[in-house]
């Protein structure tokens, strides 16, 4: 068995970079979760070529891709991307994340996203993270709230999903806000 390098560990989950070897597991998870995710993400192509294109994004300094894995079994329970990373005077990035039908409702995403926020505001040296969430995606909105994200605005016709432009709420957290939220939960 290959030795896996985890970036951060929590009580029940670990995060690591997504890799080519994850294709089969991620494809199976996406297929089992297609109905649950279609409303939020639209239909996705699960080919090797599409996965390779996805991985190529993370070769750029403007994108980071992670998977959340159960600490006890190593199985993938979620995925998180930090996209559109801008350094310099902004030091910001935009989050994209997904959970899977077989593991929702267990707190894995909360723990995993908390770890990615720590990574973003630590080693990645970002100052701000944004998450754009569809207004009726209550699970995702509640996740952002639990982690201390603040609602900043509303973007009409923000993203094209399933044949139409969807509105999104813009939620954000800064390094200072995350530190304060972490102190309150400890």
N, C-alpha and C. Protein backbone atom coordinates (compact mmCIF):
# COMPACT_ATOMS: atom_id res chain seq x y z
N UNK A 1 0.83 -1.17 0.00
CA UNK A 1 0.00 0.00 0.00
C UNK A 1 0.88 1.24 0.00
N UNK A 2 0.50 2.22 -0.80
CA UNK A 2 1.28 3.45 -0.91
C UNK A 2 1.13 4.30 0.35
N UNK A 3 2.20 4.97 0.73
CA UNK A 3 2.14 5.88 1.86
C UNK A 3 1.48 7.16 1.38
N UNK A 4 0.49 7.62 2.14
CA UNK A 4 -0.25 8.82 1.78
C UNK A 4 0.21 9.98 2.64
N UNK A 5 0.42 11.11 2.00
CA UNK A 5 0.84 12.31 2.71
C UNK A 5 -0.40 13.19 2.96
N UNK A 6 -0.77 13.31 4.23
CA UNK A 6 -1.90 14.15 4.58
C UNK A 6 -1.41 15.54 4.91
N UNK A 7 -2.19 16.52 4.51
CA UNK A 7 -1.83 17.91 4.75
C UNK A 7 -2.21 18.34 6.17
N UNK A 8 -3.40 17.94 6.60
CA UNK A 8 -3.88 18.21 7.95
C UNK A 8 -4.79 17.08 8.39
N UNK A 9 -4.86 16.87 9.70
CA UNK A 9 -5.71 15.82 10.25
C UNK A 9 -6.62 16.39 11.33
N UNK A 10 -7.85 15.94 11.33
CA UNK A 10 -8.79 16.25 12.39
C UNK A 10 -9.10 14.98 13.16
N UNK A 11 -10.05 15.04 14.07
CA UNK A 11 -10.39 13.84 14.84
C UNK A 11 -10.90 12.68 13.98
N UNK A 12 -11.68 13.00 12.92
CA UNK A 12 -12.26 11.92 12.11
C UNK A 12 -11.87 11.94 10.65
N UNK A 13 -11.36 13.07 10.16
CA UNK A 13 -11.00 13.16 8.74
C UNK A 13 -9.61 13.74 8.57
N UNK A 14 -9.07 13.51 7.37
CA UNK A 14 -7.79 14.09 6.95
C UNK A 14 -8.02 14.72 5.59
N UNK A 15 -7.15 15.67 5.24
CA UNK A 15 -7.21 16.22 3.89
C UNK A 15 -5.88 15.98 3.19
N UNK A 16 -5.98 15.78 1.90
CA UNK A 16 -4.79 15.62 1.06
C UNK A 16 -5.14 16.15 -0.32
N UNK A 17 -4.12 16.32 -1.15
CA UNK A 17 -4.37 16.74 -2.52
C UNK A 17 -5.05 15.62 -3.30
N UNK A 18 -5.92 15.99 -4.21
CA UNK A 18 -6.53 15.04 -5.12
C UNK A 18 -5.44 14.54 -6.07
N UNK A 19 -5.55 13.29 -6.50
CA UNK A 19 -4.52 12.69 -7.36
C UNK A 19 -5.15 11.74 -8.38
N UNK A 20 -4.37 11.38 -9.38
CA UNK A 20 -4.86 10.51 -10.46
C UNK A 20 -5.45 9.20 -9.94
N UNK A 21 -4.85 8.65 -8.92
CA UNK A 21 -5.31 7.37 -8.37
C UNK A 21 -6.72 7.46 -7.77
N UNK A 22 -7.24 8.66 -7.61
CA UNK A 22 -8.58 8.84 -7.03
C UNK A 22 -9.69 8.69 -8.06
N UNK A 23 -9.33 8.56 -9.34
CA UNK A 23 -10.34 8.57 -10.40
C UNK A 23 -11.46 7.55 -10.16
N UNK A 24 -11.12 6.29 -9.93
CA UNK A 24 -12.15 5.26 -9.78
C UNK A 24 -13.06 5.54 -8.59
N UNK A 25 -12.47 5.89 -7.45
CA UNK A 25 -13.28 6.15 -6.25
C UNK A 25 -14.16 7.39 -6.43
N UNK A 26 -13.59 8.45 -6.99
CA UNK A 26 -14.38 9.67 -7.19
C UNK A 26 -15.48 9.48 -8.23
N UNK A 27 -15.20 8.69 -9.25
CA UNK A 27 -16.22 8.41 -10.27
C UNK A 27 -17.38 7.63 -9.66
N UNK A 28 -17.07 6.63 -8.85
CA UNK A 28 -18.13 5.85 -8.19
C UNK A 28 -18.95 6.74 -7.25
N UNK A 29 -18.29 7.59 -6.49
CA UNK A 29 -18.99 8.49 -5.58
C UNK A 29 -19.88 9.47 -6.35
N UNK A 30 -19.36 10.01 -7.45
CA UNK A 30 -20.14 10.94 -8.27
C UNK A 30 -21.36 10.26 -8.87
N UNK A 31 -21.20 9.03 -9.32
CA UNK A 31 -22.33 8.30 -9.91
C UNK A 31 -23.39 8.00 -8.86
N UNK A 32 -22.99 7.58 -7.66
CA UNK A 32 -23.97 7.27 -6.62
C UNK A 32 -24.66 8.52 -6.10
N UNK A 33 -24.01 9.67 -6.27
CA UNK A 33 -24.53 10.94 -5.75
C UNK A 33 -25.12 11.83 -6.83
N UNK A 34 -25.20 11.34 -8.07
CA UNK A 34 -25.60 12.17 -9.20
C UNK A 34 -26.94 12.86 -8.98
N UNK A 35 -27.91 12.14 -8.49
CA UNK A 35 -29.24 12.72 -8.28
C UNK A 35 -29.20 13.83 -7.22
N UNK A 36 -28.47 13.58 -6.15
CA UNK A 36 -28.35 14.55 -5.06
C UNK A 36 -27.65 15.83 -5.53
N UNK A 37 -26.61 15.68 -6.35
CA UNK A 37 -25.76 16.81 -6.73
C UNK A 37 -26.21 17.54 -7.99
N UNK A 38 -27.00 16.89 -8.83
CA UNK A 38 -27.37 17.46 -10.13
C UNK A 38 -27.97 18.86 -10.00
N UNK A 39 -28.81 19.04 -9.00
CA UNK A 39 -29.48 20.33 -8.81
C UNK A 39 -28.48 21.46 -8.57
N UNK A 40 -27.37 21.16 -7.89
CA UNK A 40 -26.41 22.18 -7.52
C UNK A 40 -25.25 22.30 -8.50
N UNK A 41 -24.87 21.20 -9.11
CA UNK A 41 -23.68 21.20 -9.96
C UNK A 41 -23.96 20.94 -11.43
N UNK A 42 -25.12 20.43 -11.75
CA UNK A 42 -25.40 20.05 -13.11
C UNK A 42 -24.80 18.69 -13.43
N UNK A 43 -25.08 18.19 -14.60
CA UNK A 43 -24.54 16.90 -15.03
C UNK A 43 -23.04 17.04 -15.24
N UNK A 44 -22.31 16.07 -14.79
CA UNK A 44 -20.84 16.07 -14.93
C UNK A 44 -20.40 14.91 -15.79
N UNK A 45 -19.34 15.14 -16.51
CA UNK A 45 -18.75 14.10 -17.35
C UNK A 45 -17.75 13.32 -16.50
N UNK A 46 -17.91 12.01 -16.44
CA UNK A 46 -17.04 11.17 -15.60
C UNK A 46 -16.05 10.36 -16.42
N UNK A 47 -15.47 10.96 -17.44
CA UNK A 47 -14.49 10.27 -18.27
C UNK A 47 -13.08 10.50 -17.73
N UNK A 48 -12.16 9.66 -18.14
CA UNK A 48 -10.76 9.83 -17.76
C UNK A 48 -10.26 11.18 -18.28
N UNK A 49 -10.66 11.55 -19.51
CA UNK A 49 -10.22 12.82 -20.09
C UNK A 49 -10.72 14.02 -19.27
N UNK A 50 -11.96 13.97 -18.83
CA UNK A 50 -12.51 15.06 -18.02
C UNK A 50 -11.77 15.14 -16.68
N UNK A 51 -11.44 13.98 -16.10
CA UNK A 51 -10.72 13.96 -14.83
C UNK A 51 -9.30 14.52 -15.02
N UNK A 52 -8.65 14.16 -16.11
CA UNK A 52 -7.31 14.70 -16.39
C UNK A 52 -7.36 16.23 -16.53
N UNK A 53 -8.37 16.75 -17.21
CA UNK A 53 -8.52 18.21 -17.33
C UNK A 53 -8.72 18.84 -15.97
N UNK A 54 -9.52 18.19 -15.14
CA UNK A 54 -9.74 18.66 -13.77
C UNK A 54 -8.42 18.72 -13.01
N UNK A 55 -7.61 17.67 -13.10
CA UNK A 55 -6.32 17.64 -12.40
C UNK A 55 -5.35 18.69 -12.94
N UNK A 56 -5.40 18.96 -14.23
CA UNK A 56 -4.49 19.95 -14.84
C UNK A 56 -4.68 21.34 -14.23
N UNK A 57 -5.90 21.65 -13.81
CA UNK A 57 -6.14 22.96 -13.15
C UNK A 57 -5.23 23.13 -11.94
N UNK A 58 -5.00 22.04 -11.22
CA UNK A 58 -4.26 22.13 -9.96
C UNK A 58 -2.75 22.19 -10.16
N UNK A 59 -2.31 22.14 -11.40
CA UNK A 59 -0.90 22.37 -11.71
C UNK A 59 -0.60 23.86 -11.78
N UNK A 60 -1.65 24.68 -11.78
CA UNK A 60 -1.52 26.13 -11.83
C UNK A 60 -1.51 26.69 -10.41
N UNK A 61 -0.82 27.79 -10.17
CA UNK A 61 -0.80 28.38 -8.83
C UNK A 61 -2.12 29.02 -8.42
N UNK A 62 -3.08 29.07 -9.33
CA UNK A 62 -4.36 29.70 -9.06
C UNK A 62 -5.43 28.72 -8.58
N UNK A 63 -5.07 27.44 -8.42
CA UNK A 63 -6.05 26.43 -8.02
C UNK A 63 -5.40 25.38 -7.11
N UNK A 64 -6.14 24.96 -6.10
CA UNK A 64 -5.74 23.88 -5.21
C UNK A 64 -6.90 22.90 -5.11
N UNK A 65 -6.62 21.61 -5.20
CA UNK A 65 -7.67 20.60 -5.12
C UNK A 65 -7.39 19.59 -4.02
N UNK A 66 -8.40 19.35 -3.18
CA UNK A 66 -8.25 18.47 -2.02
C UNK A 66 -9.37 17.44 -1.97
N UNK A 67 -9.09 16.34 -1.34
CA UNK A 67 -10.13 15.40 -0.96
C UNK A 67 -10.12 15.29 0.56
N UNK A 68 -11.30 15.04 1.09
CA UNK A 68 -11.47 14.77 2.52
C UNK A 68 -11.62 13.27 2.64
N UNK A 69 -10.82 12.67 3.50
CA UNK A 69 -10.86 11.22 3.68
C UNK A 69 -11.14 10.87 5.13
N UNK A 70 -11.85 9.79 5.33
CA UNK A 70 -12.03 9.29 6.69
C UNK A 70 -10.67 8.90 7.24
N UNK A 71 -10.40 9.31 8.43
CA UNK A 71 -9.10 9.04 9.05
C UNK A 71 -8.91 7.54 9.31
N UNK A 72 -9.96 6.84 9.67
CA UNK A 72 -9.84 5.42 10.02
C UNK A 72 -9.71 4.51 8.80
N UNK A 73 -10.34 4.87 7.69
CA UNK A 73 -10.37 3.99 6.53
C UNK A 73 -9.66 4.54 5.30
N UNK A 74 -9.43 5.85 5.25
CA UNK A 74 -8.80 6.46 4.09
C UNK A 74 -9.74 6.69 2.92
N UNK A 75 -11.01 6.32 3.07
CA UNK A 75 -11.96 6.49 1.97
C UNK A 75 -12.37 7.96 1.83
N UNK A 76 -12.63 8.35 0.61
CA UNK A 76 -12.98 9.74 0.31
C UNK A 76 -14.43 10.00 0.71
N UNK A 77 -14.65 11.12 1.41
CA UNK A 77 -16.00 11.50 1.83
C UNK A 77 -16.41 12.87 1.28
N UNK A 78 -15.48 13.58 0.65
CA UNK A 78 -15.81 14.89 0.11
C UNK A 78 -14.65 15.47 -0.68
N UNK A 79 -14.92 16.55 -1.36
CA UNK A 79 -13.89 17.23 -2.12
C UNK A 79 -14.02 18.74 -1.96
N UNK A 80 -12.88 19.42 -1.96
CA UNK A 80 -12.87 20.88 -1.83
C UNK A 80 -11.81 21.43 -2.77
N UNK A 81 -12.19 22.47 -3.49
CA UNK A 81 -11.24 23.20 -4.34
C UNK A 81 -11.14 24.63 -3.83
N UNK A 82 -9.95 25.18 -3.92
CA UNK A 82 -9.79 26.63 -3.79
C UNK A 82 -9.43 27.10 -5.19
N UNK A 83 -10.33 27.86 -5.79
CA UNK A 83 -10.19 28.31 -7.17
C UNK A 83 -9.90 29.80 -7.23
N UNK A 84 -9.43 30.24 -8.36
CA UNK A 84 -9.23 31.68 -8.61
C UNK A 84 -8.40 32.34 -7.51
N UNK A 85 -7.32 31.70 -7.14
CA UNK A 85 -6.45 32.25 -6.10
C UNK A 85 -5.72 33.46 -6.66
N UNK A 86 -5.79 34.55 -5.92
CA UNK A 86 -5.12 35.78 -6.29
C UNK A 86 -4.19 36.15 -5.14
N UNK A 87 -2.93 36.34 -5.45
CA UNK A 87 -1.95 36.74 -4.43
C UNK A 87 -1.82 38.26 -4.45
N UNK A 88 -0.75 38.78 -3.90
CA UNK A 88 -0.55 40.23 -3.90
C UNK A 88 -1.41 40.90 -2.85
N UNK A 89 -2.08 41.97 -3.24
CA UNK A 89 -2.84 42.74 -2.27
C UNK A 89 -4.18 42.10 -1.90
N UNK A 90 -4.63 41.08 -2.64
CA UNK A 90 -5.90 40.43 -2.31
C UNK A 90 -5.74 39.19 -1.42
N UNK A 91 -4.80 38.30 -1.78
CA UNK A 91 -4.58 37.06 -1.02
C UNK A 91 -5.91 36.33 -0.79
N UNK A 92 -6.62 36.04 -1.87
CA UNK A 92 -7.95 35.45 -1.74
C UNK A 92 -8.15 34.27 -2.68
N UNK A 93 -9.21 33.52 -2.41
CA UNK A 93 -9.58 32.40 -3.25
C UNK A 93 -11.06 32.12 -3.10
N UNK A 94 -11.60 31.35 -4.05
CA UNK A 94 -13.01 31.00 -4.05
C UNK A 94 -13.15 29.50 -3.83
N UNK A 95 -14.00 29.13 -2.89
CA UNK A 95 -14.20 27.72 -2.55
C UNK A 95 -15.25 27.06 -3.43
N UNK A 96 -15.00 25.81 -3.74
CA UNK A 96 -15.99 24.93 -4.32
C UNK A 96 -15.89 23.64 -3.53
N UNK A 97 -17.03 23.05 -3.16
CA UNK A 97 -16.95 21.82 -2.36
C UNK A 97 -18.14 20.92 -2.65
N UNK A 98 -17.94 19.65 -2.37
CA UNK A 98 -19.01 18.68 -2.58
C UNK A 98 -18.89 17.56 -1.56
N UNK A 99 -20.05 17.06 -1.17
CA UNK A 99 -20.10 15.87 -0.34
C UNK A 99 -20.76 14.77 -1.18
N UNK A 100 -20.85 13.59 -0.64
CA UNK A 100 -21.40 12.47 -1.39
C UNK A 100 -22.53 11.82 -0.62
N UNK A 101 -23.47 11.25 -1.34
CA UNK A 101 -24.71 10.74 -0.77
C UNK A 101 -24.48 9.75 0.37
N UNK A 102 -23.49 8.90 0.26
CA UNK A 102 -23.28 7.86 1.27
C UNK A 102 -22.71 8.37 2.58
N UNK A 103 -22.23 9.62 2.61
CA UNK A 103 -21.59 10.12 3.82
C UNK A 103 -22.13 11.47 4.30
N UNK A 104 -23.22 11.95 3.73
CA UNK A 104 -23.76 13.24 4.17
C UNK A 104 -24.38 13.11 5.55
N UNK A 105 -24.45 14.23 6.26
CA UNK A 105 -25.10 14.26 7.56
C UNK A 105 -24.28 13.72 8.71
N UNK A 106 -23.00 13.50 8.50
CA UNK A 106 -22.14 12.94 9.55
C UNK A 106 -21.10 13.92 10.07
N UNK A 107 -21.08 15.13 9.52
CA UNK A 107 -20.13 16.15 9.97
C UNK A 107 -18.77 16.10 9.31
N UNK A 108 -18.59 15.21 8.35
CA UNK A 108 -17.30 15.10 7.67
C UNK A 108 -16.94 16.38 6.91
N UNK A 109 -17.94 16.97 6.23
CA UNK A 109 -17.67 18.19 5.46
C UNK A 109 -17.32 19.35 6.38
N UNK A 110 -18.01 19.46 7.50
CA UNK A 110 -17.70 20.54 8.44
C UNK A 110 -16.26 20.42 8.91
N UNK A 111 -15.87 19.23 9.31
CA UNK A 111 -14.50 19.02 9.79
C UNK A 111 -13.49 19.22 8.67
N UNK A 112 -13.78 18.68 7.49
CA UNK A 112 -12.85 18.80 6.36
C UNK A 112 -12.70 20.23 5.87
N UNK A 113 -13.81 20.95 5.76
CA UNK A 113 -13.72 22.34 5.30
C UNK A 113 -13.01 23.20 6.35
N UNK A 114 -13.22 22.90 7.62
CA UNK A 114 -12.50 23.62 8.67
C UNK A 114 -10.99 23.43 8.49
N UNK A 115 -10.56 22.22 8.15
CA UNK A 115 -9.14 21.96 7.91
C UNK A 115 -8.63 22.72 6.69
N UNK A 116 -9.41 22.76 5.62
CA UNK A 116 -8.99 23.49 4.42
C UNK A 116 -8.91 24.99 4.71
N UNK A 117 -9.81 25.51 5.50
CA UNK A 117 -9.74 26.92 5.89
C UNK A 117 -8.44 27.17 6.67
N UNK A 118 -8.09 26.27 7.57
CA UNK A 118 -6.83 26.39 8.31
C UNK A 118 -5.63 26.39 7.36
N UNK A 119 -5.67 25.50 6.38
CA UNK A 119 -4.60 25.41 5.40
C UNK A 119 -4.52 26.69 4.56
N UNK A 120 -5.68 27.20 4.16
CA UNK A 120 -5.73 28.42 3.34
C UNK A 120 -5.14 29.60 4.09
N UNK A 121 -5.48 29.73 5.36
CA UNK A 121 -5.02 30.88 6.14
C UNK A 121 -3.67 30.64 6.81
N UNK A 122 -3.16 29.43 6.69
CA UNK A 122 -1.83 29.11 7.20
C UNK A 122 -0.84 29.01 6.05
N UNK A 123 -0.48 27.78 5.66
CA UNK A 123 0.55 27.59 4.63
C UNK A 123 0.28 28.27 3.28
N UNK A 124 -0.97 28.38 2.87
CA UNK A 124 -1.26 29.03 1.59
C UNK A 124 -1.24 30.55 1.69
N UNK A 125 -1.19 31.07 2.89
CA UNK A 125 -1.06 32.50 3.16
C UNK A 125 -2.16 33.35 2.53
N UNK A 126 -3.38 32.82 2.48
CA UNK A 126 -4.50 33.62 1.99
C UNK A 126 -5.07 34.45 3.14
N UNK A 127 -5.77 35.49 2.78
CA UNK A 127 -6.42 36.35 3.77
C UNK A 127 -7.94 36.19 3.75
N UNK A 128 -8.49 35.77 2.60
CA UNK A 128 -9.94 35.74 2.43
C UNK A 128 -10.35 34.56 1.57
N UNK A 129 -11.45 33.92 1.94
CA UNK A 129 -12.08 32.87 1.13
C UNK A 129 -13.53 33.24 0.89
N UNK A 130 -14.01 32.98 -0.32
CA UNK A 130 -15.41 33.19 -0.66
C UNK A 130 -16.04 31.87 -1.05
N UNK A 131 -17.33 31.76 -0.78
CA UNK A 131 -18.13 30.63 -1.25
C UNK A 131 -19.40 31.21 -1.84
N UNK A 132 -19.71 30.84 -3.07
CA UNK A 132 -20.93 31.29 -3.74
C UNK A 132 -21.91 30.12 -3.73
N UNK A 133 -23.06 30.34 -3.09
CA UNK A 133 -23.98 29.25 -2.78
C UNK A 133 -25.38 29.60 -3.27
N UNK A 134 -26.04 28.64 -3.93
CA UNK A 134 -27.40 28.87 -4.38
C UNK A 134 -28.31 29.05 -3.16
N UNK A 135 -29.23 30.01 -3.22
CA UNK A 135 -30.04 30.37 -2.05
C UNK A 135 -30.87 29.24 -1.45
N UNK A 136 -31.24 28.26 -2.24
CA UNK A 136 -32.04 27.16 -1.67
C UNK A 136 -31.20 25.94 -1.31
N UNK A 137 -29.89 26.06 -1.34
CA UNK A 137 -29.01 24.97 -0.91
C UNK A 137 -28.75 25.14 0.60
N UNK A 138 -29.76 24.81 1.38
CA UNK A 138 -29.69 25.06 2.83
C UNK A 138 -28.56 24.29 3.51
N UNK A 139 -28.24 23.10 3.06
CA UNK A 139 -27.13 22.35 3.66
C UNK A 139 -25.81 23.10 3.51
N UNK A 140 -25.57 23.62 2.33
CA UNK A 140 -24.34 24.36 2.07
C UNK A 140 -24.32 25.69 2.81
N UNK A 141 -25.45 26.37 2.84
CA UNK A 141 -25.54 27.63 3.59
C UNK A 141 -25.26 27.39 5.07
N UNK A 142 -25.84 26.33 5.63
CA UNK A 142 -25.63 26.01 7.04
C UNK A 142 -24.17 25.65 7.32
N UNK A 143 -23.53 24.97 6.39
CA UNK A 143 -22.11 24.64 6.53
C UNK A 143 -21.28 25.92 6.62
N UNK A 144 -21.53 26.86 5.72
CA UNK A 144 -20.79 28.13 5.72
C UNK A 144 -21.01 28.87 7.04
N UNK A 145 -22.25 28.91 7.50
CA UNK A 145 -22.55 29.59 8.76
C UNK A 145 -21.82 28.95 9.94
N UNK A 146 -21.84 27.60 10.00
CA UNK A 146 -21.17 26.87 11.09
C UNK A 146 -19.70 27.23 11.19
N UNK A 147 -19.07 27.50 10.05
CA UNK A 147 -17.63 27.76 10.04
C UNK A 147 -17.30 29.24 10.18
N UNK A 148 -18.31 30.08 10.34
CA UNK A 148 -18.05 31.50 10.57
C UNK A 148 -18.07 32.38 9.34
N UNK A 149 -18.45 31.84 8.19
CA UNK A 149 -18.58 32.66 6.99
C UNK A 149 -19.73 33.66 7.20
N UNK A 150 -19.58 34.83 6.62
CA UNK A 150 -20.60 35.88 6.72
C UNK A 150 -21.19 36.14 5.34
N UNK A 151 -22.51 36.32 5.29
CA UNK A 151 -23.17 36.64 4.02
C UNK A 151 -22.83 38.06 3.64
N UNK A 152 -22.34 38.23 2.41
CA UNK A 152 -21.92 39.56 1.95
C UNK A 152 -22.78 40.12 0.84
N UNK A 153 -23.49 39.25 0.16
CA UNK A 153 -24.28 39.79 -0.94
C UNK A 153 -24.99 38.72 -1.74
N UNK A 154 -25.60 39.16 -2.79
CA UNK A 154 -26.41 38.31 -3.65
C UNK A 154 -26.02 38.58 -5.10
N UNK A 155 -25.67 37.53 -5.81
CA UNK A 155 -25.25 37.67 -7.21
C UNK A 155 -26.31 37.04 -8.11
N UNK A 156 -26.99 37.86 -8.88
CA UNK A 156 -27.99 37.33 -9.80
C UNK A 156 -27.30 36.72 -11.02
N UNK A 157 -27.91 35.67 -11.55
CA UNK A 157 -27.42 35.01 -12.76
C UNK A 157 -25.91 34.76 -12.69
N UNK A 158 -25.47 34.20 -11.58
CA UNK A 158 -24.04 34.05 -11.30
C UNK A 158 -23.37 32.89 -12.06
N UNK A 159 -24.05 31.73 -12.10
CA UNK A 159 -23.41 30.55 -12.70
C UNK A 159 -24.43 29.78 -13.54
N UNK A 160 -23.96 29.28 -14.68
CA UNK A 160 -24.81 28.54 -15.62
C UNK A 160 -24.83 27.07 -15.23
N UNK A 161 -25.98 26.59 -14.75
CA UNK A 161 -26.13 25.21 -14.29
C UNK A 161 -27.43 24.65 -14.84
N UNK A 162 -27.36 23.47 -15.42
CA UNK A 162 -28.56 22.79 -15.94
C UNK A 162 -29.38 23.67 -16.88
N UNK A 163 -28.70 24.38 -17.75
CA UNK A 163 -29.39 25.12 -18.79
C UNK A 163 -29.92 26.49 -18.40
N UNK A 164 -29.60 26.96 -17.19
CA UNK A 164 -30.03 28.31 -16.84
C UNK A 164 -29.04 28.97 -15.88
N UNK A 165 -29.07 30.30 -15.91
CA UNK A 165 -28.21 31.08 -15.02
C UNK A 165 -28.82 31.09 -13.64
N UNK A 166 -28.03 30.67 -12.64
CA UNK A 166 -28.53 30.55 -11.26
C UNK A 166 -27.99 31.67 -10.38
N UNK A 167 -28.87 32.18 -9.54
CA UNK A 167 -28.47 33.17 -8.55
C UNK A 167 -27.68 32.48 -7.44
N UNK A 168 -26.81 33.23 -6.79
CA UNK A 168 -26.02 32.71 -5.67
C UNK A 168 -25.89 33.78 -4.59
N UNK A 169 -25.79 33.32 -3.36
CA UNK A 169 -25.41 34.20 -2.26
C UNK A 169 -23.90 34.13 -2.13
N UNK A 170 -23.29 35.26 -1.82
CA UNK A 170 -21.84 35.31 -1.62
C UNK A 170 -21.55 35.32 -0.12
N UNK A 171 -20.80 34.32 0.33
CA UNK A 171 -20.40 34.19 1.72
C UNK A 171 -18.88 34.26 1.77
N UNK A 172 -18.33 34.86 2.81
CA UNK A 172 -16.87 35.00 2.90
C UNK A 172 -16.41 34.91 4.34
N UNK A 173 -15.14 34.57 4.47
CA UNK A 173 -14.48 34.54 5.77
C UNK A 173 -13.06 35.06 5.57
N UNK A 174 -12.57 35.79 6.55
CA UNK A 174 -11.18 36.26 6.51
C UNK A 174 -10.37 35.49 7.55
N UNK A 175 -9.08 35.62 7.45
CA UNK A 175 -8.20 34.93 8.40
C UNK A 175 -8.53 35.34 9.84
N UNK A 176 -8.79 36.61 10.07
CA UNK A 176 -9.10 37.09 11.42
C UNK A 176 -10.41 36.50 11.93
N UNK A 177 -11.42 36.49 11.07
CA UNK A 177 -12.72 35.94 11.45
C UNK A 177 -12.59 34.45 11.76
N UNK A 178 -11.82 33.73 10.96
CA UNK A 178 -11.63 32.29 11.18
C UNK A 178 -10.93 32.03 12.51
N UNK A 179 -9.93 32.84 12.84
CA UNK A 179 -9.23 32.67 14.12
C UNK A 179 -10.20 32.90 15.29
N UNK A 180 -11.03 33.93 15.19
CA UNK A 180 -12.01 34.21 16.24
C UNK A 180 -13.01 33.07 16.36
N UNK A 181 -13.51 32.56 15.22
CA UNK A 181 -14.46 31.44 15.24
C UNK A 181 -13.83 30.20 15.85
N UNK A 182 -12.55 29.94 15.54
CA UNK A 182 -11.84 28.78 16.11
C UNK A 182 -11.69 28.92 17.61
N UNK A 183 -11.41 30.12 18.09
CA UNK A 183 -11.26 30.34 19.53
C UNK A 183 -12.58 30.12 20.26
N UNK A 184 -13.69 30.47 19.64
CA UNK A 184 -14.99 30.30 20.26
C UNK A 184 -15.40 28.84 20.36
N UNK A 185 -14.93 28.00 19.40
CA UNK A 185 -15.29 26.58 19.43
C UNK A 185 -14.34 25.75 20.27
N UNK A 186 -13.21 26.31 20.70
CA UNK A 186 -12.27 25.57 21.53
C UNK A 186 -12.55 25.77 23.00
